Structures are given as structure tokens and as C-alpha cells.
């Protein structure tokens, strides 16, 4: 679905932008924190096969 925004008024464009901002987003979310499980795995004993 393609929209032709060239003929839209400023008010219509603002309304469209506001509605796009309010839509729920789905997908991957990257957080800037270290997971607790990563910290726990650092201290686990490892098995070395030589």
C-alpha cells in the first residue's frame, strides 16, 4: 500500500505521523544491559578435553 504524500496538507501529514508513532512495534528489542545468566555462566567450571 503506497500513499502519495505530495498532495497532503501539513495537518494531514502531522496526523499521519502521530498515528504512526502510536502504533505498536513488533520485532527484536536490544537492551543495553548484561543478562544475569551471562554473569552466572562466567563463574561456572568448564570441562577441558585435551
C-alpha atoms as a PDB file:
ATOM      1  CA  UNK A   1       0.000   0.000   0.000  1.00  0.00           C
ATOM      2  CA  UNK A   2       1.703   3.144  -1.162  1.00  0.00           C
ATOM      3  CA  UNK A   3       0.455   6.599  -0.295  1.00  0.00           C
ATOM      4  CA  UNK A   4       1.079   9.769  -2.259  1.00  0.00           C
ATOM      5  CA  UNK A   5       2.064  12.314   0.384  1.00  0.00           C
ATOM      6  CA  UNK A   6       2.749  15.081  -2.131  1.00  0.00           C
ATOM      7  CA  UNK A   7      -0.861  16.257  -2.160  1.00  0.00           C
ATOM      8  CA  UNK A   8      -1.402  16.061   1.621  1.00  0.00           C
ATOM      9  CA  UNK A   9      -1.733  19.197   3.726  1.00  0.00           C
ATOM     10  CA  UNK A  10       0.589  19.880   6.638  1.00  0.00           C
ATOM     11  CA  UNK A  11      -2.163  18.984   9.123  1.00  0.00           C
ATOM     12  CA  UNK A  12      -2.836  15.662   7.387  1.00  0.00           C
ATOM     13  CA  UNK A  13       0.862  14.817   7.433  1.00  0.00           C
ATOM     14  CA  UNK A  14       1.099  15.635  11.148  1.00  0.00           C
ATOM     15  CA  UNK A  15      -1.948  13.452  11.869  1.00  0.00           C
ATOM     16  CA  UNK A  16      -0.427  10.571   9.873  1.00  0.00           C
ATOM     17  CA  UNK A  17       2.910  10.921  11.669  1.00  0.00           C
ATOM     18  CA  UNK A  18       1.183  10.918  15.061  1.00  0.00           C
ATOM     19  CA  UNK A  19      -0.730   7.746  14.177  1.00  0.00           C
ATOM     20  CA  UNK A  20       2.473   6.022  13.019  1.00  0.00           C
ATOM     21  CA  UNK A  21       4.202   6.928  16.285  1.00  0.00           C
ATOM     22  CA  UNK A  22       1.334   5.420  18.301  1.00  0.00           C
ATOM     23  CA  UNK A  23       1.391   2.052  16.502  1.00  0.00           C
ATOM     24  CA  UNK A  24       2.766  -0.903  18.387  1.00  0.00           C
ATOM     25  CA  UNK A  25       6.067  -2.212  17.122  1.00  0.00           C
ATOM     26  CA  UNK A  26       6.976  -5.845  16.897  1.00  0.00           C
ATOM     27  CA  UNK A  27      10.374  -7.411  16.473  1.00  0.00           C
ATOM     28  CA  UNK A  28      13.692  -7.728  18.236  1.00  0.00           C
ATOM     29  CA  UNK A  29      14.452  -5.397  21.092  1.00  0.00           C
ATOM     30  CA  UNK A  30      18.072  -4.825  22.054  1.00  0.00           C
ATOM     31  CA  UNK A  31      18.734  -3.783  25.624  1.00  0.00           C
ATOM     32  CA  UNK A  32      21.925  -2.110  26.805  1.00  0.00           C
ATOM     33  CA  UNK A  33      22.398  -4.304  29.849  1.00  0.00           C
ATOM     34  CA  UNK A  34      24.177  -7.554  30.608  1.00  0.00           C
ATOM     35  CA  UNK A  35      21.887 -10.505  31.202  1.00  0.00           C
ATOM     36  CA  UNK A  36      22.053 -12.145  34.635  1.00  0.00           C
ATOM     37  CA  UNK A  37      22.646 -15.538  33.029  1.00  0.00           C
ATOM     38  CA  UNK A  38      25.820 -14.256  31.372  1.00  0.00           C
ATOM     39  CA  UNK A  39      27.219 -13.227  34.733  1.00  0.00           C
ATOM     40  CA  UNK A  40      26.309 -16.614  36.226  1.00  0.00           C
ATOM     41  CA  UNK A  41      27.985 -18.526  33.399  1.00  0.00           C
ATOM     42  CA  UNK A  42      31.298 -16.739  33.887  1.00  0.00           C
ATOM     43  CA  UNK A  43      31.802 -18.490  37.233  1.00  0.00           C
ATOM     44  CA  UNK A  44      30.802 -21.987  36.115  1.00  0.00           C
ATOM     45  CA  UNK A  45      33.507 -24.653  35.953  1.00  0.00           C
ATOM     46  CA  UNK A  46      34.413 -25.717  32.435  1.00  0.00           C
ATOM     47  CA  UNK A  47      35.449 -29.116  31.166  1.00  0.00           C
ATOM     48  CA  UNK A  48      38.606 -29.114  29.095  1.00  0.00           C
ATOM     49  CA  UNK A  49      39.074 -32.045  26.728  1.00  0.00           C
ATOM     50  CA  UNK A  50      42.698 -32.453  25.758  1.00  0.00           C
END
